[in-house]
Amino acid sequence: MKSTVELQELRSKDKKDLYKELQDLQKKLTQLRMGQSFRKLKNYHEITATRKKIARLWTILSEKIFEEQVKLDK
């Protein structure tokens, strides 16, 4: 499980920064998959770790969007 410090750090960022980081991670994942297909990748666990980071970012983004909707509804 991720440390609470890392999660707090991600949650403190605004949506624009999170989308930028998400875009970077998706590019990295594409490069890792290309490396895997050409058998140049040394650490295959890196693909799984990157996918988990992407999922974590999507979760935090969803939380932020939900919070904004709740504030707008009030």
C-alpha atoms as a PDB file:
ATOM      1  CA  MET A   1       0.000   0.000   0.000  1.00  0.00           C
ATOM      2  CA  LYS A   2       1.166   3.491  -0.749  1.00  0.00           C
ATOM      3  CA  SER A   3       2.311   5.683   2.060  1.00  0.00           C
ATOM      4  CA  THR A   4      -0.103   8.298   3.256  1.00  0.00           C
ATOM      5  CA  VAL A   5       2.437  11.002   2.451  1.00  0.00           C
ATOM      6  CA  GLU A   6       2.410  10.124  -1.246  1.00  0.00           C
ATOM      7  CA  LEU A   7      -1.380   9.983  -1.332  1.00  0.00           C
ATOM      8  CA  GLN A   8      -1.686  13.313   0.456  1.00  0.00           C
ATOM      9  CA  GLU A   9       0.784  14.789  -1.993  1.00  0.00           C
ATOM     10  CA  LEU A  10      -1.304  13.595  -4.942  1.00  0.00           C
ATOM     11  CA  ARG A  11      -4.541  14.785  -3.374  1.00  0.00           C
ATOM     12  CA  SER A  12      -3.081  18.237  -2.757  1.00  0.00           C
ATOM     13  CA  LYS A  13      -2.414  18.760  -6.483  1.00  0.00           C
ATOM     14  CA  ASP A  14      -4.997  20.394  -8.685  1.00  0.00           C
ATOM     15  CA  LYS A  15      -6.728  18.618 -11.552  1.00  0.00           C
ATOM     16  CA  LYS A  16      -4.505  20.155 -14.225  1.00  0.00           C
ATOM     17  CA  ASP A  17      -1.343  18.749 -12.619  1.00  0.00           C
ATOM     18  CA  LEU A  18      -2.959  15.359 -12.138  1.00  0.00           C
ATOM     19  CA  TYR A  19      -3.988  15.182 -15.793  1.00  0.00           C
ATOM     20  CA  LYS A  20      -0.436  16.124 -16.822  1.00  0.00           C
ATOM     21  CA  GLU A  21       1.016  13.381 -14.628  1.00  0.00           C
ATOM     22  CA  LEU A  22      -1.564  10.933 -15.970  1.00  0.00           C
ATOM     23  CA  GLN A  23      -0.566  11.763 -19.533  1.00  0.00           C
ATOM     24  CA  ASP A  24       3.116  11.210 -18.704  1.00  0.00           C
ATOM     25  CA  LEU A  25       2.373   7.847 -17.098  1.00  0.00           C
ATOM     26  CA  GLN A  26       0.336   6.721 -20.090  1.00  0.00           C
ATOM     27  CA  LYS A  27       3.240   7.579 -22.407  1.00  0.00           C
ATOM     28  CA  LYS A  28       5.578   5.656 -20.120  1.00  0.00           C
ATOM     29  CA  LEU A  29       3.238   2.653 -20.165  1.00  0.00           C
ATOM     30  CA  THR A  30       3.181   2.706 -23.960  1.00  0.00           C
ATOM     31  CA  GLN A  31       6.979   2.748 -24.057  1.00  0.00           C
ATOM     32  CA  LEU A  32       7.160  -0.096 -21.568  1.00  0.00           C
ATOM     33  CA  ARG A  33       4.751  -2.181 -23.621  1.00  0.00           C
ATOM     34  CA  MET A  34       6.801  -1.530 -26.748  1.00  0.00           C
ATOM     35  CA  GLY A  35       9.922  -2.595 -24.871  1.00  0.00           C
ATOM     36  CA  GLN A  36       8.148  -5.737 -23.759  1.00  0.00           C
ATOM     37  CA  SER A  37       7.064  -6.621 -27.273  1.00  0.00           C
ATOM     38  CA  PHE A  38      10.608  -6.194 -28.587  1.00  0.00           C
ATOM     39  CA  ARG A  39      12.004  -8.069 -25.560  1.00  0.00           C
ATOM     40  CA  LYS A  40      14.144  -5.137 -24.470  1.00  0.00           C
ATOM     41  CA  LEU A  41      12.450  -4.663 -21.127  1.00  0.00           C
ATOM     42  CA  LYS A  42      14.435  -5.823 -18.112  1.00  0.00           C
ATOM     43  CA  ASN A  43      11.908  -5.269 -15.320  1.00  0.00           C
ATOM     44  CA  TYR A  44       8.431  -6.504 -16.251  1.00  0.00           C
ATOM     45  CA  HIS A  45       7.055  -5.486 -12.859  1.00  0.00           C
ATOM     46  CA  GLU A  46       7.420  -1.874 -13.969  1.00  0.00           C
ATOM     47  CA  ILE A  47       4.397  -2.320 -16.259  1.00  0.00           C
ATOM     48  CA  THR A  48       2.224  -3.430 -13.347  1.00  0.00           C
ATOM     49  CA  ALA A  49       3.486  -0.632 -11.116  1.00  0.00           C
ATOM     50  CA  THR A  50       2.765   1.973 -13.786  1.00  0.00           C
ATOM     51  CA  ARG A  51      -0.748   0.621 -14.336  1.00  0.00           C
ATOM     52  CA  LYS A  52      -1.392   0.867 -10.590  1.00  0.00           C
ATOM     53  CA  LYS A  53      -0.151   4.463 -10.532  1.00  0.00           C
ATOM     54  CA  ILE A  54      -2.497   5.305 -13.401  1.00  0.00           C
ATOM     55  CA  ALA A  55      -5.426   3.698 -11.577  1.00  0.00           C
ATOM     56  CA  ARG A  56      -4.542   5.596  -8.409  1.00  0.00           C
ATOM     57  CA  LEU A  57      -4.505   8.883 -10.324  1.00  0.00           C
ATOM     58  CA  TRP A  58      -7.872   8.139 -11.946  1.00  0.00           C
ATOM     59  CA  THR A  59      -9.325   7.406  -8.522  1.00  0.00           C
ATOM     60  CA  ILE A  60      -8.082  10.694  -7.088  1.00  0.00           C
ATOM     61  CA  LEU A  61      -9.347  12.585 -10.134  1.00  0.00           C
ATOM     62  CA  SER A  62     -12.760  10.952  -9.766  1.00  0.00           C
ATOM     63  CA  GLU A  63     -12.858  11.985  -6.107  1.00  0.00           C
ATOM     64  CA  LYS A  64     -12.063  15.587  -7.026  1.00  0.00           C
ATOM     65  CA  ILE A  65     -14.718  15.676  -9.740  1.00  0.00           C
ATOM     66  CA  PHE A  66     -17.283  14.183  -7.367  1.00  0.00           C
ATOM     67  CA  GLU A  67     -16.449  16.764  -4.688  1.00  0.00           C
ATOM     68  CA  GLU A  68     -16.896  19.576  -7.214  1.00  0.00           C
ATOM     69  CA  GLN A  69     -20.297  18.198  -8.232  1.00  0.00           C
ATOM     70  CA  VAL A  70     -21.407  18.008  -4.625  1.00  0.00           C
ATOM     71  CA  LYS A  71     -20.353  21.630  -4.049  1.00  0.00           C
ATOM     72  CA  LEU A  72     -22.229  22.751  -7.154  1.00  0.00           C
ATOM     73  CA  ASP A  73     -25.386  20.930  -6.126  1.00  0.00           C
ATOM     74  CA  LYS A  74     -25.550  22.742  -2.770  1.00  0.00           C
END
